[in-house]
C-alpha atoms as a PDB file:
ATOM      1  CA  MET A   1     -13.419  -7.713  11.126  1.00  0.00           C
ATOM      2  CA  PRO A   2     -16.067  -7.215   8.465  1.00  0.00           C
ATOM      3  CA  ASP A   3     -17.000 -10.194   6.324  1.00  0.00           C
ATOM      4  CA  LEU A   4     -14.950  -9.084   3.333  1.00  0.00           C
ATOM      5  CA  ILE A   5     -13.336 -12.310   2.178  1.00  0.00           C
ATOM      6  CA  ASP A   6     -13.506 -16.023   2.875  1.00  0.00           C
ATOM      7  CA  ASP A   7      -9.979 -17.438   2.899  1.00  0.00           C
ATOM      8  CA  SER A   8     -11.280 -20.872   1.950  1.00  0.00           C
ATOM      9  CA  THR A   9     -12.366 -19.510  -1.438  1.00  0.00           C
ATOM     10  CA  GLY A  10      -8.966 -18.069  -2.327  1.00  0.00           C
ATOM     11  CA  GLU A  11      -5.820 -19.528  -3.825  1.00  0.00           C
ATOM     12  CA  ARG A  12      -2.476 -19.174  -2.040  1.00  0.00           C
ATOM     13  CA  LEU A  13       0.282 -17.773  -4.256  1.00  0.00           C
ATOM     14  CA  SER A  14       4.009 -17.653  -3.669  1.00  0.00           C
ATOM     15  CA  VAL A  15       5.800 -14.312  -3.946  1.00  0.00           C
ATOM     16  CA  GLU A  16       6.875 -15.093  -7.502  1.00  0.00           C
ATOM     17  CA  ASP A  17       3.413 -16.270  -8.545  1.00  0.00           C
ATOM     18  CA  TYR A  18       1.760 -13.279  -6.893  1.00  0.00           C
ATOM     19  CA  VAL A  19       3.999 -10.765  -8.665  1.00  0.00           C
ATOM     20  CA  ARG A  20       3.563 -12.509 -12.009  1.00  0.00           C
ATOM     21  CA  ASP A  21      -0.210 -12.848 -11.599  1.00  0.00           C
ATOM     22  CA  PHE A  22      -0.592  -9.222 -10.539  1.00  0.00           C
ATOM     23  CA  ASP A  23       1.434  -7.974 -13.496  1.00  0.00           C
ATOM     24  CA  GLN A  24      -0.678  -9.986 -15.919  1.00  0.00           C
ATOM     25  CA  ARG A  25      -3.997  -8.903 -14.440  1.00  0.00           C
ATOM     26  CA  PHE A  26      -2.989  -5.269 -14.068  1.00  0.00           C
ATOM     27  CA  ALA A  27      -2.016  -5.257 -17.733  1.00  0.00           C
ATOM     28  CA  ASP A  28      -5.628  -6.237 -18.522  1.00  0.00           C
ATOM     29  CA  ALA A  29      -7.258  -3.804 -16.043  1.00  0.00           C
ATOM     30  CA  GLU A  30      -7.916  -1.017 -18.528  1.00  0.00           C
ATOM     31  CA  GLY A  31     -10.706   1.311 -17.470  1.00  0.00           C
ATOM     32  CA  HIS A  32     -10.818   0.181 -13.841  1.00  0.00           C
ATOM     33  CA  GLU A  33      -9.918   1.545 -10.440  1.00  0.00           C
ATOM     34  CA  SER A  34      -7.482  -0.260  -8.158  1.00  0.00           C
ATOM     35  CA  TRP A  35      -7.890   0.028  -4.382  1.00  0.00           C
ATOM     36  CA  LYS A  36      -5.215  -0.771  -1.797  1.00  0.00           C
ATOM     37  CA  LEU A  37      -5.457  -0.893   1.995  1.00  0.00           C
ATOM     38  CA  GLU A  38      -2.259  -0.865   4.072  1.00  0.00           C
ATOM     39  CA  ARG A  39      -2.695  -1.514   7.778  1.00  0.00           C
ATOM     40  CA  LYS A  40       0.556  -2.892   9.235  1.00  0.00           C
ATOM     41  CA  GLN A  41       2.976  -0.388  10.712  1.00  0.00           C
ATOM     42  CA  HIS A  42       6.220  -2.179   9.955  1.00  0.00           C
ATOM     43  CA  PHE A  43       7.523  -4.041   6.933  1.00  0.00           C
ATOM     44  CA  ARG A  44      10.934  -5.098   5.703  1.00  0.00           C
ATOM     45  CA  GLN A  45      11.820  -4.701   2.039  1.00  0.00           C
ATOM     46  CA  PRO A  46      15.261  -6.242   1.485  1.00  0.00           C
ATOM     47  CA  GLY A  47      16.380  -5.682  -2.080  1.00  0.00           C
ATOM     48  CA  ASN A  48      14.707  -2.268  -2.296  1.00  0.00           C
ATOM     49  CA  ALA A  49      17.733   0.035  -2.594  1.00  0.00           C
ATOM     50  CA  SER A  50      16.151   2.912  -0.675  1.00  0.00           C
ATOM     51  CA  TRP A  51      14.924   0.623   2.108  1.00  0.00           C
ATOM     52  CA  ASP A  52      18.354  -1.001   2.309  1.00  0.00           C
ATOM     53  CA  ALA A  53      19.922   2.447   2.762  1.00  0.00           C
ATOM     54  CA  PHE A  54      17.309   3.389   5.365  1.00  0.00           C
ATOM     55  CA  SER A  55      17.881   0.159   7.309  1.00  0.00           C
ATOM     56  CA  ALA A  56      21.630   0.836   7.236  1.00  0.00           C
ATOM     57  CA  GLY A  57      21.069   4.248   8.822  1.00  0.00           C
ATOM     58  CA  GLU A  58      21.815   6.165   5.608  1.00  0.00           C
ATOM     59  CA  TRP A  59      18.779   8.428   5.673  1.00  0.00           C
ATOM     60  CA  GLY A  60      19.982  10.984   3.153  1.00  0.00           C
ATOM     61  CA  LYS A  61      20.853   8.283   0.641  1.00  0.00           C
ATOM     62  CA  ALA A  62      17.484   6.603   1.203  1.00  0.00           C
ATOM     63  CA  LEU A  63      15.671   9.842   0.344  1.00  0.00           C
ATOM     64  CA  GLN A  64      17.846  10.425  -2.723  1.00  0.00           C
ATOM     65  CA  LEU A  65      17.030   6.937  -3.993  1.00  0.00           C
ATOM     66  CA  ILE A  66      13.309   7.571  -3.513  1.00  0.00           C
ATOM     67  CA  GLU A  67      13.547  10.799  -5.504  1.00  0.00           C
ATOM     68  CA  GLY A  68      15.504   8.952  -8.173  1.00  0.00           C
ATOM     69  CA  LYS A  69      12.344   7.007  -9.036  1.00  0.00           C
ATOM     70  CA  ARG A  70      10.360  10.119  -9.982  1.00  0.00           C
ATOM     71  CA  GLU A  71      10.860   9.843 -13.737  1.00  0.00           C
ATOM     72  CA  GLN A  72       9.941   6.150 -13.752  1.00  0.00           C
ATOM     73  CA  LEU A  73       6.806   6.733 -11.658  1.00  0.00           C
ATOM     74  CA  ASP A  74       5.778   9.673 -13.847  1.00  0.00           C
ATOM     75  CA  GLU A  75       5.990   7.473 -16.938  1.00  0.00           C
ATOM     76  CA  LEU A  76       3.984   4.705 -15.276  1.00  0.00           C
ATOM     77  CA  ALA A  77       1.364   7.225 -14.168  1.00  0.00           C
ATOM     78  CA  LYS A  78       1.004   8.542 -17.715  1.00  0.00           C
ATOM     79  CA  GLU A  79       0.610   5.000 -18.993  1.00  0.00           C
ATOM     80  CA  ASP A  80      -2.047   4.213 -16.365  1.00  0.00           C
ATOM     81  CA  GLU A  81      -3.914   7.424 -17.202  1.00  0.00           C
ATOM     82  CA  SER A  82      -3.892   6.601 -20.907  1.00  0.00           C
ATOM     83  CA  ARG A  83      -5.408   3.209 -20.073  1.00  0.00           C
ATOM     84  CA  GLY A  84      -8.077   4.665 -17.799  1.00  0.00           C
ATOM     85  CA  ILE A  85      -6.636   3.121 -14.619  1.00  0.00           C
ATOM     86  CA  THR A  86      -6.834   5.075 -11.356  1.00  0.00           C
ATOM     87  CA  LEU A  87      -4.871   3.960  -8.300  1.00  0.00           C
ATOM     88  CA  PHE A  88      -6.267   4.610  -4.819  1.00  0.00           C
ATOM     89  CA  ARG A  89      -4.551   3.793  -1.533  1.00  0.00           C
ATOM     90  CA  VAL A  90      -5.508   4.086   2.132  1.00  0.00           C
ATOM     91  CA  ARG A  91      -2.574   4.106   4.546  1.00  0.00           C
ATOM     92  CA  VAL A  92      -3.370   3.550   8.240  1.00  0.00           C
ATOM     93  CA  VAL A  93      -0.809   5.523  10.269  1.00  0.00           C
ATOM     94  CA  ALA A  94      -0.406   5.182  14.027  1.00  0.00           C
ATOM     95  CA  GLU A  95       1.420   7.855  15.990  1.00  0.00           C
ATOM     96  CA  PRO A  96       4.112   8.222  17.094  1.00  0.00           C
ATOM     97  CA  ILE A  97       5.256   7.261  13.598  1.00  0.00           C
ATOM     98  CA  VAL A  98       7.660   4.319  13.672  1.00  0.00           C
ATOM     99  CA  PRO A  99      10.918   4.540  11.660  1.00  0.00           C
ATOM    100  CA  TYR A 100       9.772   2.215   8.874  1.00  0.00           C
ATOM    101  CA  LEU A 101       6.595   4.163   8.327  1.00  0.00           C
ATOM    102  CA  GLN A 102       8.471   7.458   8.280  1.00  0.00           C
ATOM    103  CA  TRP A 103      10.501   6.048   5.389  1.00  0.00           C
ATOM    104  CA  GLU A 104       7.432   4.656   3.619  1.00  0.00           C
ATOM    105  CA  LEU A 105       5.556   7.939   3.877  1.00  0.00           C
ATOM    106  CA  HIS A 106       8.369   9.648   1.985  1.00  0.00           C
ATOM    107  CA  SER A 107       8.009   6.996  -0.711  1.00  0.00           C
ATOM    108  CA  LEU A 108       4.246   7.399  -0.775  1.00  0.00           C
ATOM    109  CA  ARG A 109       4.535  11.167  -1.035  1.00  0.00           C
ATOM    110  CA  LEU A 110       6.449  10.701  -4.292  1.00  0.00           C
ATOM    111  CA  ARG A 111       3.803   8.286  -5.559  1.00  0.00           C
ATOM    112  CA  SER A 112       1.081  10.799  -4.736  1.00  0.00           C
ATOM    113  CA  GLU A 113       2.972  13.544  -6.559  1.00  0.00           C
ATOM    114  CA  CYS A 114       3.110  11.230  -9.575  1.00  0.00           C
ATOM    115  CA  GLY A 115      -0.637  10.651  -9.618  1.00  0.00           C
ATOM    116  CA  GLU A 116      -1.562   7.929  -7.117  1.00  0.00           C
ATOM    117  CA  ARG A 117      -4.451   9.020  -4.919  1.00  0.00           C
ATOM    118  CA  ILE A 118      -3.422   8.360  -1.331  1.00  0.00           C
ATOM    119  CA  ARG A 119      -5.078   9.243   1.942  1.00  0.00           C
ATOM    120  CA  VAL A 120      -4.104   8.629   5.548  1.00  0.00           C
ATOM    121  CA  VAL A 121      -6.331   7.498   8.398  1.00  0.00           C
ATOM    122  CA  PRO A 122      -5.504   6.845  12.084  1.00  0.00           C
ATOM    123  CA  PRO A 123      -6.056   3.389  13.625  1.00  0.00           C
ATOM    124  CA  GLU A 124      -9.037   4.783  15.531  1.00  0.00           C
ATOM    125  CA  GLN A 125     -10.850   5.202  12.250  1.00  0.00           C
ATOM    126  CA  VAL A 126     -10.784   1.457  11.543  1.00  0.00           C
ATOM    127  CA  ALA A 127     -10.992   0.242  15.145  1.00  0.00           C
ATOM    128  CA  GLU A 128     -14.657  -0.688  14.819  1.00  0.00           C
ATOM    129  CA  PHE A 129     -13.664  -3.316  12.239  1.00  0.00           C
ATOM    130  CA  GLU A 130     -10.893  -4.850  14.356  1.00  0.00           C
ATOM    131  CA  ASP A 131     -12.555  -6.606  17.281  1.00  0.00           C
ATOM    132  CA  GLU A 132     -10.415  -9.746  16.964  1.00  0.00           C
ATOM    133  CA  GLU A 133      -7.600  -8.891  14.540  1.00  0.00           C
ATOM    134  CA  GLU A 134      -6.220  -6.119  12.391  1.00  0.00           C
ATOM    135  CA  LEU A 135      -7.567  -5.553   8.940  1.00  0.00           C
ATOM    136  CA  PRO A 136      -5.676  -7.430   6.243  1.00  0.00           C
ATOM    137  CA  GLU A 137      -3.557  -5.832   3.550  1.00  0.00           C
ATOM    138  CA  LEU A 138      -5.852  -5.801   0.505  1.00  0.00           C
ATOM    139  CA  LEU A 139      -5.416  -4.920  -3.159  1.00  0.00           C
ATOM    140  CA  THR A 140      -8.077  -4.986  -5.887  1.00  0.00           C
ATOM    141  CA  VAL A 141      -7.250  -5.274  -9.584  1.00  0.00           C
ATOM    142  CA  GLY A 142      -9.729  -4.997 -12.437  1.00  0.00           C
ATOM    143  CA  ASP A 143     -13.341  -5.817 -11.649  1.00  0.00           C
ATOM    144  CA  ASP A 144     -12.998  -9.324 -10.252  1.00  0.00           C
ATOM    145  CA  THR A 145      -9.666  -9.824  -8.455  1.00  0.00           C
ATOM    146  CA  VAL A 146      -8.596  -9.233  -4.860  1.00  0.00           C
ATOM    147  CA  TYR A 147      -5.266 -10.075  -3.263  1.00  0.00           C
ATOM    148  CA  LYS A 148      -4.876 -10.511   0.466  1.00  0.00           C
ATOM    149  CA  ILE A 149      -1.176  -9.764   0.734  1.00  0.00           C
ATOM    150  CA  LEU A 150       0.759 -11.903   3.198  1.00  0.00           C
ATOM    151  CA  TYR A 151       3.856 -11.130   5.249  1.00  0.00           C
ATOM    152  CA  ASP A 152       5.954 -13.156   7.652  1.00  0.00           C
ATOM    153  CA  GLU A 153       6.531 -12.233  11.304  1.00  0.00           C
ATOM    154  CA  ASP A 154       9.334  -9.856  10.318  1.00  0.00           C
ATOM    155  CA  GLY A 155       7.181  -8.018   7.799  1.00  0.00           C
ATOM    156  CA  VAL A 156       8.743  -9.552   4.685  1.00  0.00           C
ATOM    157  CA  LEU A 157       6.438 -10.301   1.763  1.00  0.00           C
ATOM    158  CA  GLU A 158       5.665 -14.018   1.522  1.00  0.00           C
ATOM    159  CA  GLY A 159       2.935 -14.072  -1.128  1.00  0.00           C
ATOM    160  CA  ALA A 160      -0.803 -13.543  -1.302  1.00  0.00           C
ATOM    161  CA  VAL A 161      -4.170 -15.215  -1.321  1.00  0.00           C
ATOM    162  CA  ARG A 162      -5.958 -14.466  -4.586  1.00  0.00           C
ATOM    163  CA  PHE A 163      -9.721 -14.240  -4.901  1.00  0.00           C
ATOM    164  CA  ILE A 164     -11.329 -14.158  -8.333  1.00  0.00           C
ATOM    165  CA  ASP A 165     -14.923 -13.126  -7.825  1.00  0.00           C
ATOM    166  CA  ARG A 166     -16.632  -9.933  -8.934  1.00  0.00           C
ATOM    167  CA  THR A 167     -18.845  -9.701  -5.860  1.00  0.00           C
ATOM    168  CA  THR A 168     -15.893 -10.070  -3.499  1.00  0.00           C
ATOM    169  CA  ALA A 169     -13.843  -7.539  -5.452  1.00  0.00           C
ATOM    170  CA  THR A 170     -16.668  -5.006  -5.418  1.00  0.00           C
ATOM    171  CA  ARG A 171     -17.249  -5.525  -1.690  1.00  0.00           C
ATOM    172  CA  CYS A 172     -13.568  -4.964  -0.871  1.00  0.00           C
ATOM    173  CA  ALA A 173     -13.258  -1.936  -3.147  1.00  0.00           C
ATOM    174  CA  ASP A 174     -16.387  -0.370  -1.638  1.00  0.00           C
ATOM    175  CA  PHE A 175     -15.075  -1.000   1.888  1.00  0.00           C
ATOM    176  CA  ILE A 176     -11.717   0.631   1.175  1.00  0.00           C
ATOM    177  CA  GLU A 177     -13.418   3.512  -0.615  1.00  0.00           C
ATOM    178  CA  LYS A 178     -15.550   4.290   2.446  1.00  0.00           C
ATOM    179  CA  ILE A 179     -12.436   4.498   4.620  1.00  0.00           C
ATOM    180  CA  TYR A 180     -10.709   6.583   1.957  1.00  0.00           C
ATOM    181  CA  ALA A 181     -13.616   9.041   1.893  1.00  0.00           C
ATOM    182  CA  ASN A 182     -12.879  10.029   5.493  1.00  0.00           C
ATOM    183  CA  GLY A 183      -9.099  10.114   5.150  1.00  0.00           C
ATOM    184  CA  GLU A 184      -6.694  13.033   5.000  1.00  0.00           C
ATOM    185  CA  GLU A 185      -4.841  13.727   1.763  1.00  0.00           C
ATOM    186  CA  LEU A 186      -1.319  12.378   2.063  1.00  0.00           C
ATOM    187  CA  ALA A 187       0.314  15.653   1.032  1.00  0.00           C
ATOM    188  CA  GLU A 188      -1.471  17.522   3.822  1.00  0.00           C
ATOM    189  CA  TYR A 189      -0.692  14.862   6.411  1.00  0.00           C
ATOM    190  CA  PHE A 190       2.942  14.680   5.303  1.00  0.00           C
ATOM    191  CA  ASP A 191       3.491  18.416   5.624  1.00  0.00           C
ATOM    192  CA  ARG A 192       1.799  18.497   9.005  1.00  0.00           C
ATOM    193  CA  ARG A 193       3.163  15.352  10.699  1.00  0.00           C
ATOM    194  CA  VAL A 194       6.068  13.878   8.736  1.00  0.00           C
ATOM    195  CA  ALA A 195       8.118  16.751   7.315  1.00  0.00           C
ATOM    196  CA  PRO A 196       8.975  18.167  10.787  1.00  0.00           C
ATOM    197  CA  LEU A 197      10.398  14.832  12.028  1.00  0.00           C
ATOM    198  CA  ASP A 198      14.091  14.297  12.614  1.00  0.00           C
ATOM    199  CA  PRO A 199      15.747  11.459  10.670  1.00  0.00           C
ATOM    200  CA  PRO A 200      14.565   8.175  12.165  1.00  0.00           C
ATOM    201  CA  ARG A 201      16.716   6.087  14.448  1.00  0.00           C
ATOM    202  CA  VAL A 202      16.730   2.620  12.966  1.00  0.00           C
ATOM    203  CA  PRO A 203      16.689  -0.149  15.614  1.00  0.00           C
ATOM    204  CA  THR A 204      19.860  -2.234  15.568  1.00  0.00           C
END
């Protein structure tokens, strides 16, 4: 893995502290880009109504609940645009697409339609950076903050390690941007590889 971050220089945050810290810093991120890298193929999001429906095998309801967020995401996108904030995301997608990721890609398609700039890359495109372990889940905010987002063995969010350092933030943003530059636009990937899929069979 590239020398992006040094865990010893970061501060571990609980889920509550991470969410609160992110909200505060994002509120002060006017005029900056935010870059996110998602590598894991499976997460669990208990408490998310659409994910709960998906995990219960209610695929149609899960999609309806995703679509129900359109107005809220449109308003947030307008607010971000007025503040000069641009959101970029790289989503690593392995095929065949696992059920969780099929659900998430529907959610991400809505986000992209509401203004988030999202591209998809295959695992092969980041393999050169993963000699010993997979790339971490990373999120940059403002010009000096990076979060390494942490999950437990079941894929449930358990907090983050926060790094406050402009050099580290720039290095991580530049790294994600280079991967993004070679990615496929989410809308194109979705139409080509996700839309034709049958509803996923959720493991019991």
